């Protein structure tokens, strides 16, 4: 979890907890209980997505510590979304996005003003 979670992240987690509580008040196997459990899962997935975005923002704000290695980026991503929770396609997508992001950050670190020297 982030040291300073965003309001959006906290709100998602609160909604997830509320849905979980409501699910427990419904009869086992009832459509309402299943609906609340699905809503809880969706709120938690949205919270993970927001946390992921917040962590990427934190990483990009640490430009004085740059360049990060792919291993460091991978470790940060593992904290947010363990690869066991991802489908192989999503894992591959995250790896591609992380590589592109790291390349862009390295380029910006080498030339922080975007000047190509022309």
C-alpha atoms as a PDB file:
ATOM      1  CA  UNK A   1       0.000   0.000   0.000  1.00  0.00           C
ATOM      2  CA  UNK A   2       1.175   3.525  -0.688  1.00  0.00           C
ATOM      3  CA  UNK A   3       2.392   5.716   2.171  1.00  0.00           C
ATOM      4  CA  UNK A   4      -0.157   8.391   1.233  1.00  0.00           C
ATOM      5  CA  UNK A   5      -3.056   6.710  -0.559  1.00  0.00           C
ATOM      6  CA  UNK A   6      -5.097   8.946  -2.818  1.00  0.00           C
ATOM      7  CA  UNK A   7      -8.695   9.854  -2.073  1.00  0.00           C
ATOM      8  CA  UNK A   8      -9.847   7.784  -5.052  1.00  0.00           C
ATOM      9  CA  UNK A   9      -8.040   4.709  -3.758  1.00  0.00           C
ATOM     10  CA  UNK A  10      -9.509   5.113  -0.281  1.00  0.00           C
ATOM     11  CA  UNK A  11     -12.992   5.633  -1.695  1.00  0.00           C
ATOM     12  CA  UNK A  12     -12.743   2.443  -3.765  1.00  0.00           C
ATOM     13  CA  UNK A  13     -11.632   0.458  -0.737  1.00  0.00           C
ATOM     14  CA  UNK A  14     -14.495   1.880   1.329  1.00  0.00           C
ATOM     15  CA  UNK A  15     -17.005   0.892  -1.362  1.00  0.00           C
ATOM     16  CA  UNK A  16     -15.474  -2.590  -1.538  1.00  0.00           C
ATOM     17  CA  UNK A  17     -15.769  -3.018   2.239  1.00  0.00           C
ATOM     18  CA  UNK A  18     -19.375  -1.852   2.182  1.00  0.00           C
ATOM     19  CA  UNK A  19     -20.241  -4.301  -0.606  1.00  0.00           C
ATOM     20  CA  UNK A  20     -18.535  -7.080   1.329  1.00  0.00           C
ATOM     21  CA  UNK A  21     -20.539  -6.234   4.449  1.00  0.00           C
ATOM     22  CA  UNK A  22     -23.789  -6.140   2.500  1.00  0.00           C
ATOM     23  CA  UNK A  23     -22.993  -9.490   0.891  1.00  0.00           C
ATOM     24  CA  UNK A  24     -22.675 -11.119   4.313  1.00  0.00           C
ATOM     25  CA  UNK A  25     -26.192  -9.988   5.228  1.00  0.00           C
ATOM     26  CA  UNK A  26     -27.716 -11.780   2.233  1.00  0.00           C
ATOM     27  CA  UNK A  27     -28.527 -15.504   2.123  1.00  0.00           C
ATOM     28  CA  UNK A  28     -25.737 -17.736   0.816  1.00  0.00           C
ATOM     29  CA  UNK A  29     -26.078 -18.337  -2.918  1.00  0.00           C
ATOM     30  CA  UNK A  30     -28.683 -15.622  -3.388  1.00  0.00           C
ATOM     31  CA  UNK A  31     -28.446 -13.400  -6.473  1.00  0.00           C
ATOM     32  CA  UNK A  32     -28.132 -10.312  -4.269  1.00  0.00           C
ATOM     33  CA  UNK A  33     -25.198 -11.813  -2.360  1.00  0.00           C
ATOM     34  CA  UNK A  34     -23.454 -12.750  -5.608  1.00  0.00           C
ATOM     35  CA  UNK A  35     -24.052  -9.254  -6.985  1.00  0.00           C
ATOM     36  CA  UNK A  36     -22.498  -7.648  -3.889  1.00  0.00           C
ATOM     37  CA  UNK A  37     -19.522  -9.996  -4.042  1.00  0.00           C
ATOM     38  CA  UNK A  38     -18.979  -9.117  -7.713  1.00  0.00           C
ATOM     39  CA  UNK A  39     -19.234  -5.416  -6.903  1.00  0.00           C
ATOM     40  CA  UNK A  40     -16.723  -5.849  -4.098  1.00  0.00           C
ATOM     41  CA  UNK A  41     -14.291  -7.555  -6.478  1.00  0.00           C
ATOM     42  CA  UNK A  42     -14.723  -4.787  -9.060  1.00  0.00           C
ATOM     43  CA  UNK A  43     -14.133  -2.035  -6.492  1.00  0.00           C
ATOM     44  CA  UNK A  44     -10.977  -3.834  -5.326  1.00  0.00           C
ATOM     45  CA  UNK A  45      -9.765  -4.210  -8.924  1.00  0.00           C
ATOM     46  CA  UNK A  46     -10.334  -0.487  -9.492  1.00  0.00           C
ATOM     47  CA  UNK A  47      -8.445   0.263  -6.265  1.00  0.00           C
ATOM     48  CA  UNK A  48      -5.484  -1.841  -7.501  1.00  0.00           C
ATOM     49  CA  UNK A  49      -5.554   0.058 -10.780  1.00  0.00           C
ATOM     50  CA  UNK A  50      -5.519   3.415  -8.987  1.00  0.00           C
ATOM     51  CA  UNK A  51      -2.728   2.234  -6.701  1.00  0.00           C
ATOM     52  CA  UNK A  52      -0.755   1.108  -9.755  1.00  0.00           C
ATOM     53  CA  UNK A  53      -1.197   4.524 -11.345  1.00  0.00           C
ATOM     54  CA  UNK A  54      -0.242   6.305  -8.113  1.00  0.00           C
ATOM     55  CA  UNK A  55       2.913   4.198  -7.768  1.00  0.00           C
ATOM     56  CA  UNK A  56       3.938   4.915 -11.353  1.00  0.00           C
ATOM     57  CA  UNK A  57       3.436   8.601 -10.654  1.00  0.00           C
ATOM     58  CA  UNK A  58       5.576   8.303  -7.506  1.00  0.00           C
ATOM     59  CA  UNK A  59       8.303   6.562  -9.507  1.00  0.00           C
ATOM     60  CA  UNK A  60       8.260   9.218 -12.202  1.00  0.00           C
ATOM     61  CA  UNK A  61       8.487  11.961  -9.552  1.00  0.00           C
ATOM     62  CA  UNK A  62      11.729  10.455  -8.247  1.00  0.00           C
ATOM     63  CA  UNK A  63      13.691  11.633 -11.255  1.00  0.00           C
ATOM     64  CA  UNK A  64      16.715  12.448  -9.084  1.00  0.00           C
ATOM     65  CA  UNK A  65      16.971   8.717  -8.305  1.00  0.00           C
ATOM     66  CA  UNK A  66      16.804   7.797 -11.975  1.00  0.00           C
ATOM     67  CA  UNK A  67      17.667   5.690 -13.862  1.00  0.00           C
ATOM     68  CA  UNK A  68      15.608   2.873 -12.419  1.00  0.00           C
ATOM     69  CA  UNK A  69      16.414  -0.581 -13.638  1.00  0.00           C
ATOM     70  CA  UNK A  70      13.759  -2.861 -15.057  1.00  0.00           C
ATOM     71  CA  UNK A  71      14.276  -5.017 -11.960  1.00  0.00           C
ATOM     72  CA  UNK A  72      13.377  -2.092  -9.675  1.00  0.00           C
ATOM     73  CA  UNK A  73      10.297  -1.310 -11.747  1.00  0.00           C
ATOM     74  CA  UNK A  74       9.368  -4.993 -11.733  1.00  0.00           C
ATOM     75  CA  UNK A  75       9.665  -5.167  -7.937  1.00  0.00           C
ATOM     76  CA  UNK A  76       7.389  -2.144  -7.570  1.00  0.00           C
ATOM     77  CA  UNK A  77       4.860  -3.686  -9.933  1.00  0.00           C
ATOM     78  CA  UNK A  78       4.989  -6.971  -7.983  1.00  0.00           C
ATOM     79  CA  UNK A  79       4.044  -5.096  -4.791  1.00  0.00           C
ATOM     80  CA  UNK A  80       0.930  -3.788  -6.488  1.00  0.00           C
ATOM     81  CA  UNK A  81      -0.184  -6.698  -8.593  1.00  0.00           C
ATOM     82  CA  UNK A  82       1.520 -10.057  -8.032  1.00  0.00           C
ATOM     83  CA  UNK A  83       1.962 -11.859 -11.323  1.00  0.00           C
ATOM     84  CA  UNK A  84       0.090 -14.860  -9.924  1.00  0.00           C
ATOM     85  CA  UNK A  85      -3.045 -12.684  -9.996  1.00  0.00           C
ATOM     86  CA  UNK A  86      -2.612 -11.808 -13.676  1.00  0.00           C
ATOM     87  CA  UNK A  87      -3.408 -13.634 -16.844  1.00  0.00           C
ATOM     88  CA  UNK A  88      -0.369 -14.285 -19.079  1.00  0.00           C
ATOM     89  CA  UNK A  89      -1.678 -11.723 -21.577  1.00  0.00           C
ATOM     90  CA  UNK A  90      -2.011  -9.025 -18.901  1.00  0.00           C
ATOM     91  CA  UNK A  91       1.444  -9.899 -17.515  1.00  0.00           C
ATOM     92  CA  UNK A  92       2.909  -9.489 -21.022  1.00  0.00           C
ATOM     93  CA  UNK A  93       1.067  -6.179 -21.486  1.00  0.00           C
ATOM     94  CA  UNK A  94       2.432  -4.828 -18.191  1.00  0.00           C
ATOM     95  CA  UNK A  95       5.941  -5.910 -19.163  1.00  0.00           C
ATOM     96  CA  UNK A  96       5.629  -4.115 -22.527  1.00  0.00           C
ATOM     97  CA  UNK A  97       4.232  -0.967 -20.892  1.00  0.00           C
ATOM     98  CA  UNK A  98       6.963  -1.007 -18.234  1.00  0.00           C
ATOM     99  CA  UNK A  99       9.675  -1.321 -20.894  1.00  0.00           C
ATOM    100  CA  UNK A 100       8.229   1.563 -22.920  1.00  0.00           C
ATOM    101  CA  UNK A 101       7.842   3.701 -19.805  1.00  0.00           C
ATOM    102  CA  UNK A 102      11.394   2.968 -18.653  1.00  0.00           C
ATOM    103  CA  UNK A 103      12.778   3.835 -22.097  1.00  0.00           C
ATOM    104  CA  UNK A 104      10.870   7.129 -22.120  1.00  0.00           C
ATOM    105  CA  UNK A 105      12.018   7.963 -18.587  1.00  0.00           C
ATOM    106  CA  UNK A 106      15.651   7.221 -19.451  1.00  0.00           C
ATOM    107  CA  UNK A 107      15.352   9.415 -22.546  1.00  0.00           C
ATOM    108  CA  UNK A 108      13.820  12.221 -20.471  1.00  0.00           C
ATOM    109  CA  UNK A 109      16.491  11.825 -17.801  1.00  0.00           C
ATOM    110  CA  UNK A 110      19.230  12.144 -20.390  1.00  0.00           C
ATOM    111  CA  UNK A 111      17.479  15.108 -22.016  1.00  0.00           C
ATOM    112  CA  UNK A 112      15.039  16.455 -19.378  1.00  0.00           C
ATOM    113  CA  UNK A 113      13.884  19.365 -21.544  1.00  0.00           C
ATOM    114  CA  UNK A 114      13.114  17.247 -24.584  1.00  0.00           C
ATOM    115  CA  UNK A 115      15.723  19.138 -26.628  1.00  0.00           C
ATOM    116  CA  UNK A 116      17.200  17.052 -29.377  1.00  0.00           C
ATOM    117  CA  UNK A 117      20.072  19.492 -29.839  1.00  0.00           C
ATOM    118  CA  UNK A 118      18.740  20.814 -33.136  1.00  0.00           C
END
